[in-house]
Amino acid sequence: MHLEAIIAEIVDQADDFLAGITDRAAARAAIAQVIDADYFTLSPADQKAVTESVIATLEADEFFGIEFVGDPFSDDGSDRHD
């Protein structure tokens, strides 16, 4: 099976096996368990690549929620006249 197909399949199942998980480390562990159970023939390098791609896809889909760096309501200082 091609890695992209495996990644897509795991992403499609993510709502089920990642229900309630918002921590990326816990998500990585859950994804690793799915890979170990369903795709145990993958090499360690392919397992890592699949895990990273699944996490990246889930992040792009905002699966873990939206994260802001800093205070989104603070003044950015662009109107300051020092």
C-alpha atoms as a PDB file:
ATOM      1  CA  MET A   1       0.000   0.000   0.000  1.00  0.00           C
ATOM      2  CA  HIS A   2       1.288   3.442  -0.911  1.00  0.00           C
ATOM      3  CA  LEU A   3       2.123   5.786   2.019  1.00  0.00           C
ATOM      4  CA  GLU A   4      -0.258   8.521   0.829  1.00  0.00           C
ATOM      5  CA  ALA A   5      -3.135   6.037   0.922  1.00  0.00           C
ATOM      6  CA  ILE A   6      -2.170   4.958   4.444  1.00  0.00           C
ATOM      7  CA  ILE A   7      -1.933   8.585   5.576  1.00  0.00           C
ATOM      8  CA  ALA A   8      -5.351   9.383   4.093  1.00  0.00           C
ATOM      9  CA  GLU A   9      -6.896   6.318   5.736  1.00  0.00           C
ATOM     10  CA  ILE A  10      -5.482   7.186   9.165  1.00  0.00           C
ATOM     11  CA  VAL A  11      -6.585  10.829   8.831  1.00  0.00           C
ATOM     12  CA  ASP A  12     -10.088   9.635   7.887  1.00  0.00           C
ATOM     13  CA  GLN A  13     -10.200   7.492  11.048  1.00  0.00           C
ATOM     14  CA  ALA A  14      -8.713  10.167  13.327  1.00  0.00           C
ATOM     15  CA  ASP A  15     -12.069  11.343  14.683  1.00  0.00           C
ATOM     16  CA  ASP A  16     -12.630   7.869  16.090  1.00  0.00           C
ATOM     17  CA  PHE A  17      -9.295   6.984  17.672  1.00  0.00           C
ATOM     18  CA  LEU A  18      -8.296  10.535  18.643  1.00  0.00           C
ATOM     19  CA  ALA A  19     -11.644  11.493  20.179  1.00  0.00           C
ATOM     20  CA  GLY A  20     -10.978  13.863  23.053  1.00  0.00           C
ATOM     21  CA  ILE A  21      -7.224  14.030  22.471  1.00  0.00           C
ATOM     22  CA  THR A  22      -5.936  17.574  22.006  1.00  0.00           C
ATOM     23  CA  ASP A  23      -2.320  16.981  23.015  1.00  0.00           C
ATOM     24  CA  ARG A  24      -0.041  16.333  20.064  1.00  0.00           C
ATOM     25  CA  ALA A  25       2.218  13.957  22.013  1.00  0.00           C
ATOM     26  CA  ALA A  26      -0.777  11.815  22.970  1.00  0.00           C
ATOM     27  CA  ALA A  27      -1.997  11.985  19.363  1.00  0.00           C
ATOM     28  CA  ARG A  28       1.399  10.801  18.094  1.00  0.00           C
ATOM     29  CA  ALA A  29       1.270   7.863  20.500  1.00  0.00           C
ATOM     30  CA  ALA A  30      -2.254   6.937  19.371  1.00  0.00           C
ATOM     31  CA  ILE A  31      -1.236   7.206  15.708  1.00  0.00           C
ATOM     32  CA  ALA A  32       1.795   4.988  16.402  1.00  0.00           C
ATOM     33  CA  GLN A  33      -0.517   2.380  17.945  1.00  0.00           C
ATOM     34  CA  VAL A  34      -2.729   2.403  14.848  1.00  0.00           C
ATOM     35  CA  ILE A  35       0.320   2.009  12.621  1.00  0.00           C
ATOM     36  CA  ASP A  36       1.691  -0.819  14.785  1.00  0.00           C
ATOM     37  CA  ALA A  37      -1.642  -2.637  14.700  1.00  0.00           C
ATOM     38  CA  ASP A  38      -2.688  -2.086  11.092  1.00  0.00           C
ATOM     39  CA  TYR A  39       0.532  -1.377   9.165  1.00  0.00           C
ATOM     40  CA  PHE A  40       3.154  -3.358  11.078  1.00  0.00           C
ATOM     41  CA  THR A  41       5.016  -4.208   7.875  1.00  0.00           C
ATOM     42  CA  LEU A  42       6.116  -0.587   7.397  1.00  0.00           C
ATOM     43  CA  SER A  43       9.756   0.169   8.051  1.00  0.00           C
ATOM     44  CA  PRO A  44      10.547   2.409  11.033  1.00  0.00           C
ATOM     45  CA  ALA A  45      11.373   5.260   8.624  1.00  0.00           C
ATOM     46  CA  ASP A  46       8.018   4.865   6.865  1.00  0.00           C
ATOM     47  CA  GLN A  47       6.209   4.680  10.212  1.00  0.00           C
ATOM     48  CA  LYS A  48       7.797   7.961  11.241  1.00  0.00           C
ATOM     49  CA  ALA A  49       6.979   9.568   7.889  1.00  0.00           C
ATOM     50  CA  VAL A  50       3.348   8.463   8.133  1.00  0.00           C
ATOM     51  CA  THR A  51       3.043   9.724  11.700  1.00  0.00           C
ATOM     52  CA  GLU A  52       4.512  13.121  10.833  1.00  0.00           C
ATOM     53  CA  SER A  53       2.323  13.446   7.742  1.00  0.00           C
ATOM     54  CA  VAL A  54      -0.821  12.538   9.668  1.00  0.00           C
ATOM     55  CA  ILE A  55      -0.001  15.102  12.377  1.00  0.00           C
ATOM     56  CA  ALA A  56       0.738  17.756   9.742  1.00  0.00           C
ATOM     57  CA  THR A  57      -2.530  17.027   7.940  1.00  0.00           C
ATOM     58  CA  LEU A  58      -4.524  17.149  11.165  1.00  0.00           C
ATOM     59  CA  GLU A  59      -2.859  20.439  12.118  1.00  0.00           C
ATOM     60  CA  ALA A  60      -3.657  21.902   8.695  1.00  0.00           C
ATOM     61  CA  ASP A  61      -7.275  20.829   9.195  1.00  0.00           C
ATOM     62  CA  GLU A  62      -7.186  22.493  12.658  1.00  0.00           C
ATOM     63  CA  PHE A  63      -8.021  19.162  14.300  1.00  0.00           C
ATOM     64  CA  PHE A  64      -6.277  20.275  17.481  1.00  0.00           C
ATOM     65  CA  GLY A  65      -7.985  23.677  17.483  1.00  0.00           C
ATOM     66  CA  ILE A  66      -6.681  27.078  16.614  1.00  0.00           C
ATOM     67  CA  GLU A  67      -3.635  28.256  18.495  1.00  0.00           C
ATOM     68  CA  PHE A  68      -2.578  31.847  18.827  1.00  0.00           C
ATOM     69  CA  VAL A  69       0.908  33.005  19.597  1.00  0.00           C
ATOM     70  CA  GLY A  70       0.664  35.898  22.006  1.00  0.00           C
ATOM     71  CA  ASP A  71      -2.478  37.821  22.805  1.00  0.00           C
ATOM     72  CA  PRO A  72      -4.697  38.142  19.716  1.00  0.00           C
ATOM     73  CA  PHE A  73      -6.495  41.108  21.288  1.00  0.00           C
ATOM     74  CA  SER A  74      -3.457  43.143  22.185  1.00  0.00           C
ATOM     75  CA  ASP A  75      -2.378  46.216  20.278  1.00  0.00           C
ATOM     76  CA  ASP A  76       0.421  45.300  17.903  1.00  0.00           C
ATOM     77  CA  GLY A  77       1.993  48.707  18.384  1.00  0.00           C
ATOM     78  CA  SER A  78       1.688  49.791  14.759  1.00  0.00           C
ATOM     79  CA  ASP A  79      -0.172  52.978  15.731  1.00  0.00           C
ATOM     80  CA  ARG A  80       2.364  54.088  18.334  1.00  0.00           C
ATOM     81  CA  HIS A  81       3.945  57.512  17.997  1.00  0.00           C
ATOM     82  CA  ASP A  82       7.059  57.389  20.208  1.00  0.00           C
END
